[in-house]
Amino acid sequence: SKGTLKHTEEELNEALDKIGASLGEGVERDYAVVSLQCTRRHLKQALPLLFEVLEQPLFAPQAIATEKEQILRDIKEREDQFLSKAFDIFQDQYYGSYPYHQPLGKADEIVGLQVADVRAAYQKLYDPQHMIVSVVGPVDVGDIRSDFAKLFKDRSQDRSLDLSQDLSQATKSSAATPLFHPPTVSASTIVQRETVANWMVLGYPAPSETEPDEIPMIVF
């Protein structure tokens, strides 16, 4: 965490260190996670810190500017690394207008991103109605559900926050509708670069997890 409305990043880290707890985060293409690791003894002290990070992120302009600079450097490095560039060209050709076609986003979009944009996206995407809570350890399930329900009471508004919902039922309707259609025709892209080596990527549509050919494809 880069700090909250209540605590700086240093203060948060100090509070976590005192109870031997740690927070982690990660963003993938299809989901984002915030994790907490702590002992059972200190769970009641650690949960409020996790909730504070979730509900009161600071979105400090300097922290966002630093993150933007890092992403722009990563984009530039991928442009300069020919193997990465070859994969990026393949993904752009394969996915077309689908969001996966840009692994790190477009540089001009990153440059134009403002603090208000990040805050608005967070409020929209980190909605408790889209949340999955996964807990491993000697905890009281009822207490955990109660703690999260209290935390998100205001955010859930008129909707019922049901942490016991069956995920398979919640996603059944969306899972039946494919979000991406692989290309059905061959295509090629060639980029001329001054280099002594050549990099080539050949890609094919792979079977989905629901198809019987997936395991043979993985083994192959």
Protein backbone atom coordinates (compact mmCIF):
# COMPACT_ATOMS: atom_id res chain seq x y z
CA SER A 1 0.00 0.00 0.00
CA LYS A 2 1.11 3.55 -0.72
CA GLY A 3 -0.75 4.92 2.27
CA THR A 4 -4.34 5.63 3.26
CA LEU A 5 -6.35 8.66 4.33
CA LYS A 6 -5.41 7.81 7.94
CA HIS A 7 -1.85 6.53 7.73
CA THR A 8 1.22 7.03 5.61
CA GLU A 9 2.90 4.08 3.96
CA GLU A 10 5.56 4.08 6.68
CA GLU A 11 2.98 4.13 9.48
CA LEU A 12 1.09 1.22 7.93
CA ASN A 13 4.24 -0.84 7.56
CA GLU A 14 5.21 -0.11 11.15
CA ALA A 15 1.77 -1.17 12.43
CA LEU A 16 1.96 -4.41 10.44
CA ASP A 17 5.50 -5.14 11.58
CA LYS A 18 4.49 -4.81 15.23
CA ILE A 19 2.10 -7.74 14.90
CA GLY A 20 4.14 -9.75 12.40
CA ALA A 21 1.58 -9.26 9.62
CA SER A 22 2.01 -8.39 5.96
CA LEU A 23 -0.17 -7.05 3.15
CA GLY A 24 0.27 -7.90 -0.50
CA GLU A 25 -1.36 -6.92 -3.75
CA GLY A 26 -1.32 -8.00 -7.35
CA VAL A 27 -3.02 -7.11 -10.62
CA GLU A 28 -3.52 -9.65 -13.41
CA ARG A 29 -5.35 -9.35 -16.70
CA ASP A 30 -8.64 -10.67 -15.33
CA TYR A 31 -8.52 -9.91 -11.63
CA ALA A 32 -6.79 -8.05 -8.83
CA VAL A 33 -6.05 -9.24 -5.31
CA VAL A 34 -5.26 -7.77 -1.91
CA SER A 35 -3.92 -10.29 0.59
CA LEU A 36 -3.29 -10.39 4.32
CA GLN A 37 -1.01 -12.78 6.19
CA CYS A 38 -1.05 -12.83 9.99
CA THR A 39 -1.28 -15.11 12.99
CA ARG A 40 -4.63 -16.08 14.48
CA ARG A 41 -3.68 -14.19 17.61
CA HIS A 42 -3.36 -10.91 15.73
CA LEU A 43 -6.22 -11.30 13.23
CA LYS A 44 -8.47 -8.79 15.00
CA GLN A 45 -5.66 -6.23 14.88
CA ALA A 46 -4.69 -6.94 11.29
CA LEU A 47 -8.15 -6.94 9.70
CA PRO A 48 -8.80 -3.22 10.36
CA LEU A 49 -5.55 -2.41 8.55
CA LEU A 50 -6.61 -4.51 5.57
CA PHE A 51 -10.03 -2.84 5.55
CA GLU A 52 -8.42 0.59 5.79
CA VAL A 53 -6.30 -0.12 2.72
CA LEU A 54 -9.36 -1.38 0.83
CA GLU A 55 -11.73 1.42 1.76
CA GLN A 56 -9.50 4.46 2.24
CA PRO A 57 -6.64 4.35 -0.29
CA LEU A 58 -4.81 7.64 -0.54
CA PHE A 59 -4.21 7.87 -4.31
CA ALA A 60 -1.38 10.31 -3.70
CA PRO A 61 -0.58 12.22 -6.92
CA GLN A 62 3.17 11.62 -6.56
CA ALA A 63 2.69 7.88 -6.06
CA ILE A 64 0.49 7.65 -9.15
CA ALA A 65 2.96 9.73 -11.16
CA THR A 66 5.77 7.38 -10.11
CA GLU A 67 3.74 4.33 -11.12
CA LYS A 68 2.92 5.89 -14.50
CA GLU A 69 6.60 6.57 -15.12
CA GLN A 70 7.43 2.94 -14.33
CA ILE A 71 4.77 1.61 -16.71
CA LEU A 72 5.99 3.93 -19.47
CA ARG A 73 9.55 2.67 -18.93
CA ASP A 74 8.29 -0.91 -19.14
CA ILE A 75 6.49 -0.16 -22.40
CA LYS A 76 9.66 1.42 -23.82
CA GLU A 77 11.75 -1.58 -22.74
CA ARG A 78 9.36 -3.98 -24.48
CA GLU A 79 9.71 -1.92 -27.63
CA ASP A 80 13.50 -2.19 -27.43
CA GLN A 81 13.55 -5.93 -26.63
CA PHE A 82 12.94 -7.65 -29.93
CA LEU A 83 11.57 -10.92 -28.52
CA SER A 84 9.06 -9.02 -26.37
CA LYS A 85 8.20 -6.88 -29.38
CA ALA A 86 7.55 -10.01 -31.45
CA PHE A 87 5.16 -11.34 -28.80
CA ASP A 88 3.43 -7.96 -28.55
CA ILE A 89 2.90 -7.85 -32.32
CA PHE A 90 1.47 -11.38 -32.21
CA GLN A 91 -0.94 -10.48 -29.38
CA ASP A 92 -2.01 -7.31 -31.15
CA GLN A 93 -2.73 -9.32 -34.32
CA TYR A 94 -4.40 -12.21 -32.48
CA TYR A 95 -6.64 -10.28 -30.11
CA GLY A 96 -7.47 -7.34 -32.37
CA SER A 97 -9.60 -4.82 -30.44
CA TYR A 98 -9.97 -7.15 -27.44
CA PRO A 99 -8.25 -5.62 -24.35
CA TYR A 100 -5.59 -8.34 -24.20
CA HIS A 101 -3.95 -6.96 -27.34
CA GLN A 102 -1.96 -4.43 -25.27
CA PRO A 103 -0.13 -6.17 -22.38
CA LEU A 104 0.78 -2.93 -20.62
CA GLY A 105 -1.68 -0.53 -22.20
CA LYS A 106 -1.01 2.27 -24.64
CA ALA A 107 1.57 4.89 -23.75
CA ASP A 108 -0.67 7.83 -24.68
CA GLU A 109 -3.46 6.48 -22.44
CA ILE A 110 -1.04 6.07 -19.54
CA VAL A 111 0.27 9.62 -19.98
CA GLY A 112 -3.26 11.04 -19.95
CA LEU A 113 -4.35 9.14 -16.85
CA GLN A 114 -5.27 11.44 -13.96
CA VAL A 115 -5.72 10.82 -10.23
CA ALA A 116 -9.48 11.25 -10.63
CA ASP A 117 -9.49 8.52 -13.30
CA VAL A 118 -7.72 6.08 -10.98
CA ARG A 119 -10.04 6.89 -8.09
CA ALA A 120 -13.16 6.48 -10.23
CA ALA A 121 -11.95 3.16 -11.63
CA TYR A 122 -11.18 1.90 -8.12
CA GLN A 123 -14.66 2.77 -6.87
CA LYS A 124 -16.20 1.02 -9.85
CA LEU A 125 -14.06 -2.12 -9.99
CA TYR A 126 -13.37 -2.77 -6.30
CA ASP A 127 -17.05 -3.24 -5.61
CA PRO A 128 -17.93 -5.65 -2.77
CA GLN A 129 -20.56 -7.22 -5.03
CA HIS A 130 -17.72 -8.47 -7.27
CA MET A 131 -15.54 -9.64 -4.41
CA ILE A 132 -14.39 -13.16 -3.57
CA VAL A 133 -13.10 -13.69 -0.04
CA SER A 134 -10.77 -16.65 0.39
CA VAL A 135 -9.54 -17.53 3.88
CA VAL A 136 -7.24 -20.37 4.95
CA GLY A 137 -6.52 -20.93 8.62
CA PRO A 138 -8.09 -21.53 12.03
CA VAL A 139 -10.68 -18.74 11.87
CA ASP A 140 -14.34 -18.45 12.78
CA VAL A 141 -16.22 -18.28 9.49
CA GLY A 142 -19.15 -16.44 11.03
CA ASP A 143 -16.86 -13.76 12.47
CA ILE A 144 -15.11 -13.25 9.14
CA ARG A 145 -18.39 -12.86 7.27
CA SER A 146 -19.66 -10.47 9.90
CA ASP A 147 -16.49 -8.36 9.77
CA PHE A 148 -16.63 -8.01 5.98
CA ALA A 149 -20.37 -7.33 5.95
CA LYS A 150 -19.88 -4.51 8.46
CA LEU A 151 -17.02 -3.06 6.46
CA PHE A 152 -18.93 -2.90 3.20
CA LYS A 153 -22.32 -1.99 4.64
CA ASP A 154 -22.25 1.54 3.22
CA ARG A 155 -20.78 0.48 -0.13
CA SER A 156 -23.34 -2.27 -0.66
CA GLN A 157 -26.21 0.26 -0.37
CA ASP A 158 -29.52 -1.45 -1.08
CA ARG A 159 -27.92 -4.67 -2.31
CA SER A 160 -27.41 -7.64 -0.02
CA LEU A 161 -23.78 -8.60 0.50
CA ASP A 162 -23.90 -12.39 0.59
CA LEU A 163 -20.46 -13.83 1.28
CA SER A 164 -21.84 -17.38 1.18
CA GLN A 165 -22.98 -17.15 -2.45
CA ASP A 166 -22.14 -20.10 -4.69
CA LEU A 167 -19.64 -18.73 -7.21
CA SER A 168 -20.59 -21.33 -9.82
CA GLN A 169 -24.17 -20.05 -9.81
CA ALA A 170 -23.09 -16.41 -9.82
CA THR A 171 -20.95 -16.87 -12.92
CA LYS A 172 -23.07 -19.41 -14.80
CA SER A 173 -24.78 -16.88 -17.06
CA SER A 174 -21.62 -14.98 -17.98
CA ALA A 175 -19.58 -18.17 -18.50
CA ALA A 176 -22.00 -19.33 -21.19
CA THR A 177 -21.24 -16.30 -23.34
CA PRO A 178 -17.74 -16.20 -24.88
CA LEU A 179 -16.00 -12.87 -24.47
CA PHE A 180 -13.45 -13.42 -27.20
CA HIS A 181 -13.60 -15.08 -30.62
CA PRO A 182 -10.22 -16.29 -31.95
CA PRO A 183 -9.33 -15.25 -35.50
CA THR A 184 -10.43 -17.62 -38.23
CA VAL A 185 -7.99 -16.52 -40.93
CA SER A 186 -4.20 -16.49 -41.11
CA ALA A 187 -2.28 -13.23 -40.86
CA SER A 188 1.32 -12.07 -40.67
CA THR A 189 3.18 -8.96 -39.57
CA ILE A 190 6.82 -8.20 -40.36
CA VAL A 191 8.77 -5.37 -38.74
CA GLN A 192 12.18 -4.39 -40.09
CA ARG A 193 14.82 -3.68 -37.43
CA GLU A 194 18.58 -3.13 -37.62
CA THR A 195 19.80 -6.25 -35.82
CA VAL A 196 21.94 -9.32 -36.54
CA ALA A 197 19.26 -11.72 -35.27
CA ASN A 198 15.63 -12.39 -36.13
CA TRP A 199 12.76 -13.11 -33.79
CA MET A 200 9.66 -14.96 -34.94
CA VAL A 201 6.48 -15.93 -33.09
CA LEU A 202 3.95 -18.39 -34.53
CA GLY A 203 0.67 -18.63 -32.66
CA TYR A 204 -2.44 -20.76 -32.92
CA PRO A 205 -5.85 -20.66 -31.22
CA ALA A 206 -5.76 -23.07 -28.27
CA PRO A 207 -8.67 -25.11 -26.89
CA SER A 208 -10.45 -23.64 -23.89
CA GLU A 209 -10.50 -25.23 -20.45
CA THR A 210 -13.90 -26.75 -21.20
CA GLU A 211 -12.74 -28.59 -24.32
CA PRO A 212 -11.38 -32.18 -24.26
CA ASP A 213 -8.35 -31.18 -26.33
CA GLU A 214 -6.98 -28.85 -23.63
CA ILE A 215 -4.94 -31.48 -21.74
CA PRO A 216 -3.35 -32.99 -24.88
CA MET A 217 -2.46 -29.44 -25.95
CA ILE A 218 -0.75 -28.78 -22.61
CA VAL A 219 1.15 -32.08 -22.76
CA PHE A 220 2.21 -31.36 -26.31
